[in-house]
Amino acid sequence: MSGATYTFRYIEAPIYWQPLPDDPPAVFLAGGITNCERWHDDALVELRGTGVDMVVLNPNRRNFPINDPDAGEEQVWWEQDHLLRPETVTLMWFPESDASLTTQPIAQFEFGQCLNPATLAAGRRVVVGADPGYPRVRDVELMMKYHRPGQPVYSTLPELVAAVAAEVRAAAEVGPSWQDLRAGRPFWVGLDGHGDMWLWTGDPERPMPVAARHQLDDMDPILWPLITDRLAPTHLEGDSQ
């Protein structure tokens, strides 16, 4: 436990996480949902049992409004906005599933997003596990071997949670974090040739990326004006303000 008071916040879709100044690092529960066991409940119990301060972001709604035609879009927007938030530890779990029903394609897509070279270069913390009963477990192992050589693929949820807790502790001890920026830590802003925005803090060798500006616009009204003030009307590739 990182302090005298234990902090464990739980956010479930479609409620958006509004970060508080003293929030600990967040954990996003990525992985199979449709035609899979509801493993998220077990993960929550395990995470709470670690005694580590954290915010848990759970995309698996307890009651999904299957008859609402707008619910699918709302769900996708929530998942993408929270999965891609900087300074979030991604817990990626591929549970056992019947290959005739699902190979968990959305989880595979999110896995690919987490292994994006820009994401890796920014130091995104991703911890991956796959049940031996997952039909594509070998593909997960090979992708990790290529993109993150030496990082294990855990075969049980408790092992995965223990590794995630260690990453949360590490994330709480090192910067930069959104709380640092909100508190006034110096930073620089620039756009690359693809139009993606990058933030630099004290260490220019480890930039913090923000690929979707609307995420901050929607979810961090305190920080976003600080960033836009640093943006010049035009940018050259690699420029910083």
Protein backbone atom coordinates (compact mmCIF):
# COMPACT_ATOMS: atom_id res chain seq x y z
CA MET A 1 0.00 0.00 0.00
CA SER A 2 1.51 3.32 -1.11
CA GLY A 3 0.13 5.53 1.68
CA ALA A 4 -1.75 5.63 4.94
CA THR A 5 -5.08 5.62 3.08
CA TYR A 6 -5.74 2.87 0.56
CA THR A 7 -7.14 4.16 -2.74
CA PHE A 8 -9.04 1.77 -4.99
CA ARG A 9 -11.40 3.45 -7.46
CA TYR A 10 -13.59 1.43 -9.80
CA ILE A 11 -14.90 2.85 -13.08
CA GLU A 12 -17.19 0.76 -15.30
CA ALA A 13 -18.32 1.59 -18.82
CA PRO A 14 -20.08 3.73 -19.90
CA ILE A 15 -19.08 6.08 -17.03
CA TYR A 16 -16.08 8.17 -18.04
CA TRP A 17 -13.11 8.41 -15.74
CA GLN A 18 -12.64 11.99 -14.58
CA PRO A 19 -9.13 11.90 -13.05
CA LEU A 20 -8.73 13.48 -9.65
CA PRO A 21 -5.49 15.30 -8.77
CA ASP A 22 -4.43 12.60 -6.30
CA ASP A 23 -5.52 9.58 -8.33
CA PRO A 24 -3.06 6.66 -8.43
CA PRO A 25 -2.20 5.02 -11.78
CA ALA A 26 -5.07 3.42 -13.68
CA VAL A 27 -5.39 -0.17 -14.90
CA PHE A 28 -7.46 -0.92 -18.01
CA LEU A 29 -8.94 -4.43 -18.12
CA ALA A 30 -8.45 -5.39 -21.77
CA GLY A 31 -9.34 -8.81 -23.17
CA GLY A 32 -12.11 -11.08 -24.35
CA ILE A 33 -15.73 -10.32 -23.45
CA THR A 34 -18.24 -11.81 -25.90
CA ASN A 35 -18.67 -15.58 -25.54
CA CYS A 36 -16.08 -15.61 -22.74
CA GLU A 37 -16.33 -16.15 -19.02
CA ARG A 38 -16.73 -12.96 -17.01
CA TRP A 39 -13.12 -12.98 -15.89
CA HIS A 40 -13.19 -9.26 -15.06
CA ASP A 41 -14.92 -10.01 -11.75
CA ASP A 42 -12.09 -12.33 -10.71
CA ALA A 43 -9.52 -9.75 -11.83
CA LEU A 44 -11.17 -7.10 -9.65
CA VAL A 45 -11.02 -9.34 -6.59
CA GLU A 46 -7.37 -10.14 -7.28
CA LEU A 47 -6.41 -6.50 -7.92
CA ARG A 48 -8.12 -5.30 -4.76
CA GLY A 49 -6.33 -8.03 -2.83
CA THR A 50 -2.90 -6.69 -3.83
CA GLY A 51 -3.36 -3.68 -1.56
CA VAL A 52 -1.85 -1.43 -4.25
CA ASP A 53 -3.41 1.99 -4.87
CA MET A 54 -5.02 2.11 -8.32
CA VAL A 55 -7.97 3.10 -10.47
CA VAL A 56 -9.53 0.17 -12.35
CA LEU A 57 -11.21 0.81 -15.72
CA ASN A 58 -13.58 -2.02 -16.66
CA PRO A 59 -15.17 -2.15 -20.15
CA ASN A 60 -17.33 -5.18 -19.27
CA ARG A 61 -20.65 -3.70 -18.24
CA ARG A 62 -22.71 -5.59 -15.73
CA ASN A 63 -25.87 -4.78 -17.74
CA PHE A 64 -25.27 -4.06 -21.42
CA PRO A 65 -28.35 -2.56 -23.17
CA ILE A 66 -28.30 -4.99 -26.08
CA ASN A 67 -31.48 -3.52 -27.59
CA ASP A 68 -30.16 0.05 -27.65
CA PRO A 69 -28.93 0.80 -31.21
CA ASP A 70 -26.54 3.45 -29.88
CA ALA A 71 -24.97 1.28 -27.20
CA GLY A 72 -22.38 -0.30 -29.51
CA GLU A 73 -20.95 3.05 -30.58
CA GLU A 74 -20.95 4.29 -26.99
CA GLN A 75 -19.06 1.17 -25.93
CA VAL A 76 -16.41 1.44 -28.65
CA TRP A 77 -15.84 5.12 -27.91
CA TRP A 78 -15.45 4.41 -24.19
CA GLU A 79 -13.04 1.54 -24.76
CA GLN A 80 -10.84 3.46 -27.17
CA ASP A 81 -10.78 6.63 -25.10
CA HIS A 82 -9.71 4.77 -21.97
CA LEU A 83 -7.44 2.16 -23.56
CA LEU A 84 -5.37 4.86 -25.27
CA ARG A 85 -5.05 7.21 -22.31
CA PRO A 86 -1.39 7.93 -21.47
CA GLU A 87 -0.08 6.67 -18.15
CA THR A 88 -2.52 3.75 -18.04
CA VAL A 89 -1.29 0.24 -17.28
CA THR A 90 -2.97 -2.24 -19.63
CA LEU A 91 -3.90 -5.63 -18.22
CA MET A 92 -4.43 -7.78 -21.32
CA TRP A 93 -6.02 -11.19 -20.69
CA PHE A 94 -7.09 -13.75 -23.27
CA PRO A 95 -9.35 -16.17 -21.38
CA GLU A 96 -10.16 -19.72 -22.41
CA SER A 97 -12.74 -19.77 -25.20
CA ASP A 98 -14.38 -22.11 -27.69
CA ALA A 99 -12.84 -21.48 -31.12
CA SER A 100 -16.16 -22.29 -32.78
CA LEU A 101 -17.70 -19.32 -30.93
CA THR A 102 -14.91 -16.76 -30.73
CA THR A 103 -11.18 -16.17 -31.00
CA GLN A 104 -11.71 -12.77 -29.34
CA PRO A 105 -11.10 -10.49 -32.37
CA ILE A 106 -11.69 -7.20 -30.52
CA ALA A 107 -9.18 -8.20 -27.87
CA GLN A 108 -6.70 -9.08 -30.63
CA PHE A 109 -7.22 -5.64 -32.17
CA GLU A 110 -6.64 -3.92 -28.84
CA PHE A 111 -3.56 -6.08 -28.32
CA GLY A 112 -2.20 -4.78 -31.62
CA GLN A 113 -2.90 -1.21 -30.57
CA CYS A 114 -0.96 -1.72 -27.35
CA LEU A 115 2.01 -3.07 -29.30
CA ASN A 116 2.04 -0.13 -31.73
CA PRO A 117 5.67 1.09 -32.12
CA ALA A 118 4.76 4.63 -31.04
CA THR A 119 3.08 3.23 -27.95
CA LEU A 120 6.09 1.09 -27.14
CA ALA A 121 8.50 3.99 -27.68
CA ALA A 122 6.54 6.04 -25.19
CA GLY A 123 7.05 3.40 -22.51
CA ARG A 124 3.43 2.23 -22.29
CA ARG A 125 3.08 -0.44 -19.62
CA VAL A 126 1.33 -3.52 -21.02
CA VAL A 127 1.14 -6.82 -19.11
CA VAL A 128 -0.18 -9.78 -21.09
CA GLY A 129 -1.61 -13.16 -20.21
CA ALA A 130 -3.33 -15.94 -22.11
CA ASP A 131 -5.07 -18.99 -20.72
CA PRO A 132 -3.68 -22.23 -22.21
CA GLY A 133 -7.23 -22.85 -23.43
CA TYR A 134 -7.23 -19.73 -25.61
CA PRO A 135 -7.21 -20.92 -29.27
CA ARG A 136 -4.61 -18.36 -30.43
CA VAL A 137 -2.30 -18.48 -27.45
CA ARG A 138 0.71 -19.26 -29.64
CA ASP A 139 0.07 -16.15 -31.73
CA VAL A 140 0.04 -14.03 -28.58
CA GLU A 141 3.35 -15.52 -27.48
CA LEU A 142 4.94 -14.89 -30.88
CA MET A 143 3.71 -11.29 -31.04
CA MET A 144 5.15 -10.61 -27.61
CA LYS A 145 8.41 -12.29 -28.53
CA TYR A 146 8.73 -9.99 -31.54
CA HIS A 147 7.56 -6.70 -29.99
CA ARG A 148 8.57 -7.17 -26.36
CA PRO A 149 11.30 -9.82 -26.24
CA GLY A 150 11.93 -11.11 -22.76
CA GLN A 151 8.54 -10.06 -21.39
CA PRO A 152 6.53 -13.10 -20.31
CA VAL A 153 3.01 -14.10 -21.32
CA TYR A 154 1.34 -15.22 -18.09
CA SER A 155 -0.81 -18.34 -18.17
CA THR A 156 -2.98 -17.65 -15.10
CA LEU A 157 -4.95 -14.60 -14.04
CA PRO A 158 -3.42 -14.41 -10.53
CA GLU A 159 0.09 -14.35 -12.02
CA LEU A 160 -0.97 -11.64 -14.44
CA VAL A 161 -2.51 -9.52 -11.68
CA ALA A 162 0.62 -9.79 -9.54
CA ALA A 163 2.71 -8.52 -12.46
CA VAL A 164 0.24 -5.69 -13.09
CA ALA A 165 0.43 -4.64 -9.43
CA ALA A 166 4.21 -4.41 -9.76
CA GLU A 167 3.82 -2.19 -12.83
CA VAL A 168 1.35 0.04 -11.01
CA ARG A 169 3.81 0.47 -8.16
CA ALA A 170 6.54 1.37 -10.66
CA ALA A 171 4.27 3.82 -12.49
CA ALA A 172 3.46 5.55 -9.20
CA GLU A 173 7.15 6.05 -8.46
CA VAL A 174 8.26 7.56 -11.76
CA GLY A 175 6.99 10.39 -13.95
CA PRO A 176 5.79 11.98 -15.95
CA SER A 177 2.12 11.71 -15.07
CA TRP A 178 -0.96 13.73 -15.87
CA GLN A 179 -1.02 14.79 -12.24
CA ASP A 180 2.48 16.27 -12.68
CA LEU A 181 1.34 18.28 -15.70
CA ARG A 182 -1.83 19.44 -14.00
CA ALA A 183 0.30 20.58 -11.07
CA GLY A 184 2.42 22.77 -13.36
CA ARG A 185 5.35 20.54 -14.36
CA PRO A 186 7.03 22.07 -17.48
CA PHE A 187 6.26 20.39 -20.78
CA TRP A 188 6.54 20.96 -24.52
CA VAL A 189 4.07 20.19 -27.29
CA GLY A 190 4.51 19.39 -30.98
CA LEU A 191 2.78 17.71 -33.91
CA ASP A 192 4.49 15.15 -36.10
CA GLY A 193 4.08 14.78 -39.86
CA HIS A 194 1.00 12.61 -39.39
CA GLY A 195 -0.84 15.17 -37.30
CA ASP A 196 -0.46 13.26 -34.03
CA MET A 197 0.31 15.31 -30.96
CA TRP A 198 3.26 14.58 -28.69
CA LEU A 199 4.03 15.85 -25.23
CA TRP A 200 7.53 16.10 -23.83
CA THR A 201 8.34 16.54 -20.17
CA GLY A 202 11.71 16.68 -18.46
CA ASP A 203 13.09 13.69 -20.38
CA PRO A 204 12.97 14.33 -24.16
CA GLU A 205 14.09 10.75 -24.81
CA ARG A 206 10.74 9.44 -23.51
CA PRO A 207 7.93 11.52 -25.06
CA MET A 208 4.39 10.99 -23.91
CA PRO A 209 2.05 10.57 -26.93
CA VAL A 210 -1.53 11.69 -27.28
CA ALA A 211 -2.99 10.44 -30.54
CA ALA A 212 -6.54 11.73 -30.13
CA ARG A 213 -6.92 15.33 -29.01
CA HIS A 214 -10.64 14.92 -28.31
CA GLN A 215 -9.76 12.62 -25.43
CA LEU A 216 -8.25 15.47 -23.44
CA ASP A 217 -10.83 17.92 -24.72
CA ASP A 218 -13.61 15.72 -23.33
CA MET A 219 -12.02 14.38 -20.19
CA ASP A 220 -9.48 16.85 -18.83
CA PRO A 221 -10.72 20.45 -19.04
CA ILE A 222 -7.95 21.58 -16.68
CA LEU A 223 -5.03 20.21 -18.70
CA TRP A 224 -6.33 20.75 -22.23
CA PRO A 225 -6.18 24.59 -22.21
CA LEU A 226 -2.59 24.37 -20.99
CA ILE A 227 -1.74 22.19 -23.98
CA THR A 228 -3.56 24.26 -26.60
CA ASP A 229 -1.79 27.37 -25.33
CA ARG A 230 1.50 25.72 -26.31
CA LEU A 231 0.38 24.85 -29.85
CA ALA A 232 1.44 27.28 -32.58
CA PRO A 233 -0.85 27.78 -35.63
CA THR A 234 1.47 25.71 -37.84
CA HIS A 235 3.95 22.95 -37.07
CA LEU A 236 6.79 21.25 -38.84
CA GLU A 237 7.53 17.58 -38.28
CA GLY A 238 9.39 17.19 -35.02
CA ASP A 239 8.72 20.74 -33.84
CA SER A 240 8.07 21.37 -30.18
CA GLN A 241 6.80 24.43 -28.43
